[in-house]
Each structure stands twice: as structure tokens, then as C-alpha cells.
């Protein structure tokens, strides 16, 4: 039996709050591509802790606020 991680994030919401920062702008500020930011926002990929912390700092919030509803579900 495996565990499946489900996570929602508020990256796009906080980008918009920061003078309509683009995905490209955020990516450049934390050292990743625009595509990586898109994947994070759409839950196609999960940033490592260092990138998550960088994002939170740039977006003026905390990791716990930026990444919400983290749940583990057992796959059958």
C-alpha cells in the first residue's frame, strides 16, 4: 500500500498580490523557469523545500500559508 500526496498551493494568488508578478518574474527571482512555476501552480510538480522557502520570501508570506491542504492518502 502506497501513500499519495495531495497538496494545493496559493502561488498564483500571491503572485497577483505582488503587482501582478508573472510566472517568468517569479521564476527568475528564485532561479527556475517559467514552466517550473506553471507546474508548481498546477500541481504537476512540487517544489523542494529550498525553492518553496524562496518563493514564500519573494511573495512576502510563509510556506505554511503558500502551501495549504497537504494531505496523505493511502492508495489501495
PDB file of N, CA and C in Angstrom:
ATOM      1  N   UNK A   1       0.847  -1.174   0.000  1.00  0.00           N
ATOM      2  CA  UNK A   1       0.000   0.000   0.000  1.00  0.00           C
ATOM      3  C   UNK A   1       0.899   1.246   0.000  1.00  0.00           C
ATOM      4  N   UNK A   2       0.694   2.130  -0.976  1.00  0.00           N
ATOM      5  CA  UNK A   2       1.476   3.349  -1.100  1.00  0.00           C
ATOM      6  C   UNK A   2       0.705   4.545  -0.562  1.00  0.00           C
ATOM      7  N   UNK A   3       1.456   5.599  -0.226  1.00  0.00           N
ATOM      8  CA  UNK A   3       0.838   6.855   0.195  1.00  0.00           C
ATOM      9  C   UNK A   3       0.881   7.838  -0.969  1.00  0.00           C
ATOM     10  N   UNK A   4      -0.212   8.546  -1.183  1.00  0.00           N
ATOM     11  CA  UNK A   4      -0.299   9.547  -2.235  1.00  0.00           C
ATOM     12  C   UNK A   4      -0.400  10.924  -1.589  1.00  0.00           C
ATOM     13  N   UNK A   5       0.431  11.857  -2.032  1.00  0.00           N
ATOM     14  CA  UNK A   5       0.433  13.218  -1.503  1.00  0.00           C
ATOM     15  C   UNK A   5      -0.505  14.094  -2.314  1.00  0.00           C
ATOM     16  N   UNK A   6      -1.389  14.800  -1.642  1.00  0.00           N
ATOM     17  CA  UNK A   6      -2.260  15.794  -2.270  1.00  0.00           C
ATOM     18  C   UNK A   6      -1.917  17.152  -1.661  1.00  0.00           C
ATOM     19  N   UNK A   7      -1.681  18.149  -2.508  1.00  0.00           N
ATOM     20  CA  UNK A   7      -1.341  19.470  -1.990  1.00  0.00           C
ATOM     21  C   UNK A   7      -1.934  20.543  -2.896  1.00  0.00           C
ATOM     22  N   UNK A   8      -2.497  21.560  -2.299  1.00  0.00           N
ATOM     23  CA  UNK A   8      -2.931  22.748  -3.028  1.00  0.00           C
ATOM     24  C   UNK A   8      -1.983  23.876  -2.661  1.00  0.00           C
ATOM     25  N   UNK A   9      -1.859  24.820  -3.552  1.00  0.00           N
ATOM     26  CA  UNK A   9      -1.000  25.958  -3.238  1.00  0.00           C
ATOM     27  C   UNK A   9      -1.684  27.253  -3.663  1.00  0.00           C
ATOM     28  N   UNK A  10      -1.104  28.343  -3.178  1.00  0.00           N
ATOM     29  CA  UNK A  10      -1.649  29.667  -3.457  1.00  0.00           C
ATOM     30  C   UNK A  10      -0.623  30.540  -4.176  1.00  0.00           C
ATOM     31  N   UNK A  11       0.244  29.906  -4.961  1.00  0.00           N
ATOM     32  CA  UNK A  11       1.309  30.643  -5.643  1.00  0.00           C
ATOM     33  C   UNK A  11       0.722  31.706  -6.572  1.00  0.00           C
ATOM     34  N   UNK A  12      -0.213  31.323  -7.424  1.00  0.00           N
ATOM     35  CA  UNK A  12      -0.791  32.289  -8.381  1.00  0.00           C
ATOM     36  C   UNK A  12      -1.465  33.445  -7.644  1.00  0.00           C
ATOM     37  N   UNK A  13      -2.188  33.118  -6.583  1.00  0.00           N
ATOM     38  CA  UNK A  13      -2.862  34.157  -5.799  1.00  0.00           C
ATOM     39  C   UNK A  13      -1.860  35.170  -5.244  1.00  0.00           C
ATOM     40  N   UNK A  14      -0.759  34.674  -4.692  1.00  0.00           N
ATOM     41  CA  UNK A  14       0.232  35.586  -4.125  1.00  0.00           C
ATOM     42  C   UNK A  14       1.037  36.312  -5.194  1.00  0.00           C
ATOM     43  N   UNK A  15       1.212  35.717  -6.374  1.00  0.00           N
ATOM     44  CA  UNK A  15       1.848  36.450  -7.478  1.00  0.00           C
ATOM     45  C   UNK A  15       0.997  37.651  -7.845  1.00  0.00           C
ATOM     46  N   UNK A  16      -0.307  37.435  -7.960  1.00  0.00           N
ATOM     47  CA  UNK A  16      -1.222  38.524  -8.317  1.00  0.00           C
ATOM     48  C   UNK A  16      -1.194  39.646  -7.285  1.00  0.00           C
ATOM     49  N   UNK A  17      -1.031  39.288  -6.034  1.00  0.00           N
ATOM     50  CA  UNK A  17      -0.975  40.294  -4.963  1.00  0.00           C
ATOM     51  C   UNK A  17       0.304  41.123  -5.025  1.00  0.00           C
ATOM     52  N   UNK A  18       1.313  40.606  -5.693  1.00  0.00           N
ATOM     53  CA  UNK A  18       2.607  41.284  -5.798  1.00  0.00           C
ATOM     54  C   UNK A  18       2.718  41.986  -7.142  1.00  0.00           C
ATOM     55  N   UNK A  19       1.946  43.047  -7.309  1.00  0.00           N
ATOM     56  CA  UNK A  19       1.977  43.860  -8.532  1.00  0.00           C
ATOM     57  C   UNK A  19       1.877  43.021  -9.792  1.00  0.00           C
ATOM     58  N   UNK A  20       0.981  42.010  -9.739  1.00  0.00           N
ATOM     59  CA  UNK A  20       0.740  41.143 -10.894  1.00  0.00           C
ATOM     60  C   UNK A  20       2.032  40.522 -11.434  1.00  0.00           C
ATOM     61  N   UNK A  21       2.855  40.037 -10.527  1.00  0.00           N
ATOM     62  CA  UNK A  21       4.100  39.376 -10.887  1.00  0.00           C
ATOM     63  C   UNK A  21       3.793  38.202 -11.828  1.00  0.00           C
ATOM     64  N   UNK A  22       4.564  38.067 -12.893  1.00  0.00           N
ATOM     65  CA  UNK A  22       4.353  36.967 -13.825  1.00  0.00           C
ATOM     66  C   UNK A  22       5.071  35.707 -13.336  1.00  0.00           C
ATOM     67  N   UNK A  23       4.716  34.594 -13.946  1.00  0.00           N
ATOM     68  CA  UNK A  23       5.414  33.348 -13.641  1.00  0.00           C
ATOM     69  C   UNK A  23       6.886  33.486 -13.989  1.00  0.00           C
ATOM     70  N   UNK A  24       7.165  34.144 -15.103  1.00  0.00           N
ATOM     71  CA  UNK A  24       8.552  34.356 -15.518  1.00  0.00           C
ATOM     72  C   UNK A  24       9.312  35.179 -14.479  1.00  0.00           C
ATOM     73  N   UNK A  25       8.689  36.270 -14.001  1.00  0.00           N
ATOM     74  CA  UNK A  25       9.323  37.115 -12.982  1.00  0.00           C
ATOM     75  C   UNK A  25       9.665  36.306 -11.732  1.00  0.00           C
ATOM     76  N   UNK A  26       8.693  35.532 -11.247  1.00  0.00           N
ATOM     77  CA  UNK A  26       8.921  34.733 -10.044  1.00  0.00           C
ATOM     78  C   UNK A  26      10.014  33.706 -10.286  1.00  0.00           C
ATOM     79  N   UNK A  27       9.953  33.042 -11.435  1.00  0.00           N
ATOM     80  CA  UNK A  27      10.982  32.057 -11.763  1.00  0.00           C
ATOM     81  C   UNK A  27      12.372  32.649 -11.767  1.00  0.00           C
ATOM     82  N   UNK A  28      12.519  33.815 -12.385  1.00  0.00           N
ATOM     83  CA  UNK A  28      13.827  34.474 -12.424  1.00  0.00           C
ATOM     84  C   UNK A  28      14.317  34.822 -11.027  1.00  0.00           C
ATOM     85  N   UNK A  29      13.415  35.220 -10.166  1.00  0.00           N
ATOM     86  CA  UNK A  29      13.813  35.625  -8.809  1.00  0.00           C
ATOM     87  C   UNK A  29      14.213  34.454  -7.929  1.00  0.00           C
ATOM     88  N   UNK A  30      13.696  33.254  -8.227  1.00  0.00           N
ATOM     89  CA  UNK A  30      14.064  32.104  -7.389  1.00  0.00           C
ATOM     90  C   UNK A  30      14.954  31.094  -8.123  1.00  0.00           C
ATOM     91  N   UNK A  31      15.263  31.370  -9.397  1.00  0.00           N
ATOM     92  CA  UNK A  31      16.202  30.535 -10.130  1.00  0.00           C
ATOM     93  C   UNK A  31      15.628  29.327 -10.841  1.00  0.00           C
ATOM     94  N   UNK A  32      14.372  29.431 -11.298  1.00  0.00           N
ATOM     95  CA  UNK A  32      13.770  28.351 -12.077  1.00  0.00           C
ATOM     96  C   UNK A  32      13.081  28.945 -13.300  1.00  0.00           C
ATOM     97  N   UNK A  33      12.646  28.093 -14.202  1.00  0.00           N
ATOM     98  CA  UNK A  33      11.978  28.555 -15.426  1.00  0.00           C
ATOM     99  C   UNK A  33      10.517  28.915 -15.176  1.00  0.00           C
ATOM    100  N   UNK A  34       9.942  29.628 -16.135  1.00  0.00           N
ATOM    101  CA  UNK A  34       8.519  29.938 -16.091  1.00  0.00           C
ATOM    102  C   UNK A  34       7.713  28.645 -16.100  1.00  0.00           C
ATOM    103  N   UNK A  35       8.170  27.661 -16.861  1.00  0.00           N
ATOM    104  CA  UNK A  35       7.473  26.376 -16.942  1.00  0.00           C
ATOM    105  C   UNK A  35       7.432  25.692 -15.575  1.00  0.00           C
ATOM    106  N   UNK A  36       8.527  25.774 -14.819  1.00  0.00           N
ATOM    107  CA  UNK A  36       8.548  25.177 -13.478  1.00  0.00           C
ATOM    108  C   UNK A  36       7.505  25.830 -12.582  1.00  0.00           C
ATOM    109  N   UNK A  37       7.396  27.156 -12.644  1.00  0.00           N
ATOM    110  CA  UNK A  37       6.394  27.860 -11.841  1.00  0.00           C
ATOM    111  C   UNK A  37       4.993  27.403 -12.251  1.00  0.00           C
ATOM    112  N   UNK A  38       4.754  27.279 -13.553  1.00  0.00           N
ATOM    113  CA  UNK A  38       3.462  26.799 -14.037  1.00  0.00           C
ATOM    114  C   UNK A  38       3.164  25.407 -13.490  1.00  0.00           C
ATOM    115  N   UNK A  39       4.138  24.525 -13.521  1.00  0.00           N
ATOM    116  CA  UNK A  39       3.949  23.169 -12.999  1.00  0.00           C
ATOM    117  C   UNK A  39       3.633  23.199 -11.503  1.00  0.00           C
ATOM    118  N   UNK A  40       4.325  24.053 -10.756  1.00  0.00           N
ATOM    119  CA  UNK A  40       4.055  24.158  -9.313  1.00  0.00           C
ATOM    120  C   UNK A  40       2.625  24.646  -9.080  1.00  0.00           C
ATOM    121  N   UNK A  41       2.235  25.692  -9.809  1.00  0.00           N
ATOM    122  CA  UNK A  41       0.902  26.268  -9.620  1.00  0.00           C
ATOM    123  C   UNK A  41      -0.206  25.275  -9.964  1.00  0.00           C
ATOM    124  N   UNK A  42       0.042  24.432 -10.944  1.00  0.00           N
ATOM    125  CA  UNK A  42      -0.973  23.479 -11.401  1.00  0.00           C
ATOM    126  C   UNK A  42      -0.820  22.091 -10.788  1.00  0.00           C
ATOM    127  N   UNK A  43      -0.003  22.005  -9.746  1.00  0.00           N
ATOM    128  CA  UNK A  43       0.218  20.753  -9.012  1.00  0.00           C
ATOM    129  C   UNK A  43       0.685  19.597  -9.892  1.00  0.00           C
ATOM    130  N   UNK A  44       1.440  19.924 -10.935  1.00  0.00           N
ATOM    131  CA  UNK A  44       2.059  18.891 -11.760  1.00  0.00           C
ATOM    132  C   UNK A  44       3.416  18.506 -11.202  1.00  0.00           C
ATOM    133  N   UNK A  45       3.947  19.353 -10.339  1.00  0.00           N
ATOM    134  CA  UNK A  45       5.226  19.120  -9.683  1.00  0.00           C
ATOM    135  C   UNK A  45       5.202  19.855  -8.351  1.00  0.00           C
ATOM    136  N   UNK A  46       6.024  19.403  -7.429  1.00  0.00           N
ATOM    137  CA  UNK A  46       6.092  20.013  -6.103  1.00  0.00           C
ATOM    138  C   UNK A  46       7.506  20.550  -5.897  1.00  0.00           C
ATOM    139  N   UNK A  47       7.646  21.824  -5.516  1.00  0.00           N
ATOM    140  CA  UNK A  47       8.992  22.371  -5.305  1.00  0.00           C
ATOM    141  C   UNK A  47       9.642  21.752  -4.074  1.00  0.00           C
ATOM    142  N   UNK A  48      10.969  21.682  -4.117  1.00  0.00           N
ATOM    143  CA  UNK A  48      11.662  21.223  -2.912  1.00  0.00           C
ATOM    144  C   UNK A  48      11.563  22.305  -1.840  1.00  0.00           C
ATOM    145  N   UNK A  49      11.977  21.980  -0.655  1.00  0.00           N
ATOM    146  CA  UNK A  49      11.820  22.899   0.477  1.00  0.00           C
ATOM    147  C   UNK A  49      12.555  24.216   0.249  1.00  0.00           C
ATOM    148  N   UNK A  50      13.741  24.166  -0.324  1.00  0.00           N
ATOM    149  CA  UNK A  50      14.506  25.387  -0.569  1.00  0.00           C
ATOM    150  C   UNK A  50      13.765  26.309  -1.540  1.00  0.00           C
ATOM    151  N   UNK A  51      13.257  25.748  -2.638  1.00  0.00           N
ATOM    152  CA  UNK A  51      12.505  26.576  -3.590  1.00  0.00           C
ATOM    153  C   UNK A  51      11.209  27.101  -2.972  1.00  0.00           C
ATOM    154  N   UNK A  52      10.536  26.270  -2.200  1.00  0.00           N
ATOM    155  CA  UNK A  52       9.308  26.715  -1.539  1.00  0.00           C
ATOM    156  C   UNK A  52       9.598  27.879  -0.603  1.00  0.00           C
ATOM    157  N   UNK A  53      10.694  27.802   0.128  1.00  0.00           N
ATOM    158  CA  UNK A  53      11.065  28.885   1.049  1.00  0.00           C
ATOM    159  C   UNK A  53      11.402  30.159   0.271  1.00  0.00           C
ATOM    160  N   UNK A  54      12.153  30.005  -0.832  1.00  0.00           N
ATOM    161  CA  UNK A  54      12.477  31.171  -1.668  1.00  0.00           C
ATOM    162  C   UNK A  54      11.207  31.832  -2.201  1.00  0.00           C
ATOM    163  N   UNK A  55      10.270  30.998  -2.680  1.00  0.00           N
ATOM    164  CA  UNK A  55       9.005  31.535  -3.187  1.00  0.00           C
ATOM    165  C   UNK A  55       8.268  32.305  -2.106  1.00  0.00           C
ATOM    166  N   UNK A  56       8.193  31.726  -0.936  1.00  0.00           N
ATOM    167  CA  UNK A  56       7.482  32.372   0.170  1.00  0.00           C
ATOM    168  C   UNK A  56       8.116  33.725   0.498  1.00  0.00           C
ATOM    169  N   UNK A  57       9.441  33.773   0.533  1.00  0.00           N
ATOM    170  CA  UNK A  57      10.134  35.037   0.836  1.00  0.00           C
ATOM    171  C   UNK A  57       9.838  36.075  -0.245  1.00  0.00           C
ATOM    172  N   UNK A  58       9.996  35.700  -1.504  1.00  0.00           N
ATOM    173  CA  UNK A  58       9.758  36.633  -2.615  1.00  0.00           C
ATOM    174  C   UNK A  58       8.308  37.111  -2.621  1.00  0.00           C
ATOM    175  N   UNK A  59       7.377  36.216  -2.294  1.00  0.00           N
ATOM    176  CA  UNK A  59       5.962  36.569  -2.326  1.00  0.00           C
ATOM    177  C   UNK A  59       5.470  37.188  -1.015  1.00  0.00           C
ATOM    178  N   UNK A  60       6.357  37.324  -0.045  1.00  0.00           N
ATOM    179  CA  UNK A  60       6.021  38.013   1.193  1.00  0.00           C
ATOM    180  C   UNK A  60       5.092  37.243   2.106  1.00  0.00           C
ATOM    181  N   UNK A  61       5.259  35.937   2.151  1.00  0.00           N
ATOM    182  CA  UNK A  61       4.417  35.120   3.014  1.00  0.00           C
ATOM    183  C   UNK A  61       5.236  33.980   3.604  1.00  0.00           C
ATOM    184  N   UNK A  62       4.565  33.041   4.222  1.00  0.00           N
ATOM    185  CA  UNK A  62       5.196  31.901   4.872  1.00  0.00           C
ATOM    186  C   UNK A  62       4.876  30.632   4.090  1.00  0.00           C
ATOM    187  N   UNK A  63       5.750  29.652   4.141  1.00  0.00           N
ATOM    188  CA  UNK A  63       5.493  28.380   3.452  1.00  0.00           C
ATOM    189  C   UNK A  63       4.150  27.789   3.866  1.00  0.00           C
ATOM    190  N   UNK A  64       3.838  27.844   5.144  1.00  0.00           N
ATOM    191  CA  UNK A  64       2.597  27.267   5.649  1.00  0.00           C
ATOM    192  C   UNK A  64       1.356  27.931   5.088  1.00  0.00           C
ATOM    193  N   UNK A  65       1.476  29.171   4.663  1.00  0.00           N
ATOM    194  CA  UNK A  65       0.361  29.892   4.052  1.00  0.00           C
ATOM    195  C   UNK A  65       0.326  29.629   2.545  1.00  0.00           C
ATOM    196  N   UNK A  66       1.505  29.572   1.940  1.00  0.00           N
ATOM    197  CA  UNK A  66       1.608  29.383   0.493  1.00  0.00           C
ATOM    198  C   UNK A  66       1.175  27.987   0.061  1.00  0.00           C
ATOM    199  N   UNK A  67       1.540  26.995   0.851  1.00  0.00           N
ATOM    200  CA  UNK A  67       1.189  25.607   0.532  1.00  0.00           C
ATOM    201  C   UNK A  67       0.213  25.111   1.574  1.00  0.00           C
ATOM    202  N   UNK A  68      -1.019  24.866   1.133  1.00  0.00           N
ATOM    203  CA  UNK A  68      -2.099  24.512   2.059  1.00  0.00           C
ATOM    204  C   UNK A  68      -2.693  23.161   1.715  1.00  0.00           C
ATOM    205  N   UNK A  69      -3.459  22.641   2.650  1.00  0.00           N
ATOM    206  CA  UNK A  69      -4.185  21.385   2.446  1.00  0.00           C
ATOM    207  C   UNK A  69      -3.285  20.239   2.022  1.00  0.00           C
ATOM    208  N   UNK A  70      -2.200  20.065   2.731  1.00  0.00           N
ATOM    209  CA  UNK A  70      -1.328  18.934   2.459  1.00  0.00           C
ATOM    210  C   UNK A  70      -1.926  17.720   3.152  1.00  0.00           C
ATOM    211  N   UNK A  71      -2.268  16.721   2.372  1.00  0.00           N
ATOM    212  CA  UNK A  71      -2.862  15.512   2.939  1.00  0.00           C
ATOM    213  C   UNK A  71      -2.216  14.282   2.320  1.00  0.00           C
ATOM    214  N   UNK A  72      -2.176  13.249   3.088  1.00  0.00           N
ATOM    215  CA  UNK A  72      -1.675  11.959   2.618  1.00  0.00           C
ATOM    216  C   UNK A  72      -2.831  11.008   2.539  1.00  0.00           C
ATOM    217  N   UNK A  73      -2.906  10.269   1.456  1.00  0.00           N
ATOM    218  CA  UNK A  73      -3.986   9.306   1.267  1.00  0.00           C
ATOM    219  C   UNK A  73      -3.369   7.948   0.922  1.00  0.00           C
ATOM    220  N   UNK A  74      -3.865   6.925   1.552  1.00  0.00           N
ATOM    221  CA  UNK A  74      -3.370   5.577   1.254  1.00  0.00           C
ATOM    222  C   UNK A  74      -3.994   5.074  -0.029  1.00  0.00           C
ATOM    223  N   UNK A  75      -3.145   4.663  -0.970  1.00  0.00           N
ATOM    224  CA  UNK A  75      -3.633   4.069  -2.215  1.00  0.00           C
ATOM    225  C   UNK A  75      -3.818   2.581  -1.991  1.00  0.00           C
ATOM    226  N   UNK A  76      -4.880   2.047  -2.531  1.00  0.00           N
ATOM    227  CA  UNK A  76      -5.168   0.616  -2.357  1.00  0.00           C
ATOM    228  C   UNK A  76      -4.791  -0.162  -3.578  1.00  0.00           C
TER     229      UNK A  76
END
